[in-house]
């Protein structure tokens, strides 16, 4: 088992925490983007299923 330094663990924890905080901060805008993207994908799926 390789030796894992404390620094690399702290860096990974900090990156994970930053990612989670960013997700929380951007949650509203991401929700809007995701719903728009979902509608767009649904439209593509609907139009492609018409041809099949």
C-alpha atoms as a PDB file:
ATOM      1  CA  UNK A   1       0.000   0.000   0.000  1.00  0.00           C
ATOM      2  CA  UNK A   2       1.534   3.318  -1.028  1.00  0.00           C
ATOM      3  CA  UNK A   3       2.263   5.978   1.546  1.00  0.00           C
ATOM      4  CA  UNK A   4      -0.198   8.880   1.345  1.00  0.00           C
ATOM      5  CA  UNK A   5       1.077  12.195   2.635  1.00  0.00           C
ATOM      6  CA  UNK A   6      -1.095  14.323   4.876  1.00  0.00           C
ATOM      7  CA  UNK A   7      -0.730  17.226   2.452  1.00  0.00           C
ATOM      8  CA  UNK A   8      -2.275  15.331  -0.452  1.00  0.00           C
ATOM      9  CA  UNK A   9      -5.177  14.279   1.762  1.00  0.00           C
ATOM     10  CA  UNK A  10      -5.734  17.885   2.863  1.00  0.00           C
ATOM     11  CA  UNK A  11      -5.523  19.142  -0.719  1.00  0.00           C
ATOM     12  CA  UNK A  12      -8.094  16.581  -1.864  1.00  0.00           C
ATOM     13  CA  UNK A  13     -10.374  17.425   1.054  1.00  0.00           C
ATOM     14  CA  UNK A  14     -10.061  21.141   0.287  1.00  0.00           C
ATOM     15  CA  UNK A  15     -10.815  20.564  -3.402  1.00  0.00           C
ATOM     16  CA  UNK A  16     -13.838  18.437  -2.522  1.00  0.00           C
ATOM     17  CA  UNK A  17     -15.088  21.066  -0.083  1.00  0.00           C
ATOM     18  CA  UNK A  18     -14.575  23.824  -2.661  1.00  0.00           C
ATOM     19  CA  UNK A  19     -16.488  21.787  -5.241  1.00  0.00           C
ATOM     20  CA  UNK A  20     -19.384  21.212  -2.842  1.00  0.00           C
ATOM     21  CA  UNK A  21     -19.503  24.896  -1.858  1.00  0.00           C
ATOM     22  CA  UNK A  22     -19.408  25.947  -5.514  1.00  0.00           C
ATOM     23  CA  UNK A  23     -22.274  23.557  -6.275  1.00  0.00           C
ATOM     24  CA  UNK A  24     -24.306  25.035  -3.409  1.00  0.00           C
ATOM     25  CA  UNK A  25     -23.580  28.627  -4.489  1.00  0.00           C
ATOM     26  CA  UNK A  26     -24.389  27.919  -8.142  1.00  0.00           C
ATOM     27  CA  UNK A  27     -27.327  25.628  -7.382  1.00  0.00           C
ATOM     28  CA  UNK A  28     -29.996  28.062  -8.612  1.00  0.00           C
ATOM     29  CA  UNK A  29     -28.297  28.862 -11.922  1.00  0.00           C
ATOM     30  CA  UNK A  30     -27.372  25.211 -12.431  1.00  0.00           C
ATOM     31  CA  UNK A  31     -30.966  24.172 -11.812  1.00  0.00           C
ATOM     32  CA  UNK A  32     -32.145  26.586 -14.500  1.00  0.00           C
ATOM     33  CA  UNK A  33     -29.456  25.367 -16.904  1.00  0.00           C
ATOM     34  CA  UNK A  34     -30.228  21.718 -16.217  1.00  0.00           C
ATOM     35  CA  UNK A  35     -33.958  22.147 -16.809  1.00  0.00           C
ATOM     36  CA  UNK A  36     -33.279  24.009 -20.066  1.00  0.00           C
ATOM     37  CA  UNK A  37     -30.836  21.302 -21.105  1.00  0.00           C
ATOM     38  CA  UNK A  38     -33.332  18.588 -20.171  1.00  0.00           C
ATOM     39  CA  UNK A  39     -36.014  20.237 -22.308  1.00  0.00           C
ATOM     40  CA  UNK A  40     -33.544  20.526 -25.190  1.00  0.00           C
ATOM     41  CA  UNK A  41     -32.588  16.837 -24.899  1.00  0.00           C
ATOM     42  CA  UNK A  42     -36.261  15.856 -24.661  1.00  0.00           C
ATOM     43  CA  UNK A  43     -36.911  17.819 -27.848  1.00  0.00           C
ATOM     44  CA  UNK A  44     -34.104  15.977 -29.637  1.00  0.00           C
ATOM     45  CA  UNK A  45     -35.376  12.617 -28.400  1.00  0.00           C
ATOM     46  CA  UNK A  46     -38.947  13.471 -29.439  1.00  0.00           C
ATOM     47  CA  UNK A  47     -37.910  14.585 -32.929  1.00  0.00           C
ATOM     48  CA  UNK A  48     -35.649  11.564 -33.447  1.00  0.00           C
ATOM     49  CA  UNK A  49     -38.374   9.159 -32.320  1.00  0.00           C
ATOM     50  CA  UNK A  50     -40.675  10.601 -34.996  1.00  0.00           C
ATOM     51  CA  UNK A  51     -38.298   9.353 -37.696  1.00  0.00           C
ATOM     52  CA  UNK A  52     -37.984   5.831 -36.345  1.00  0.00           C
END
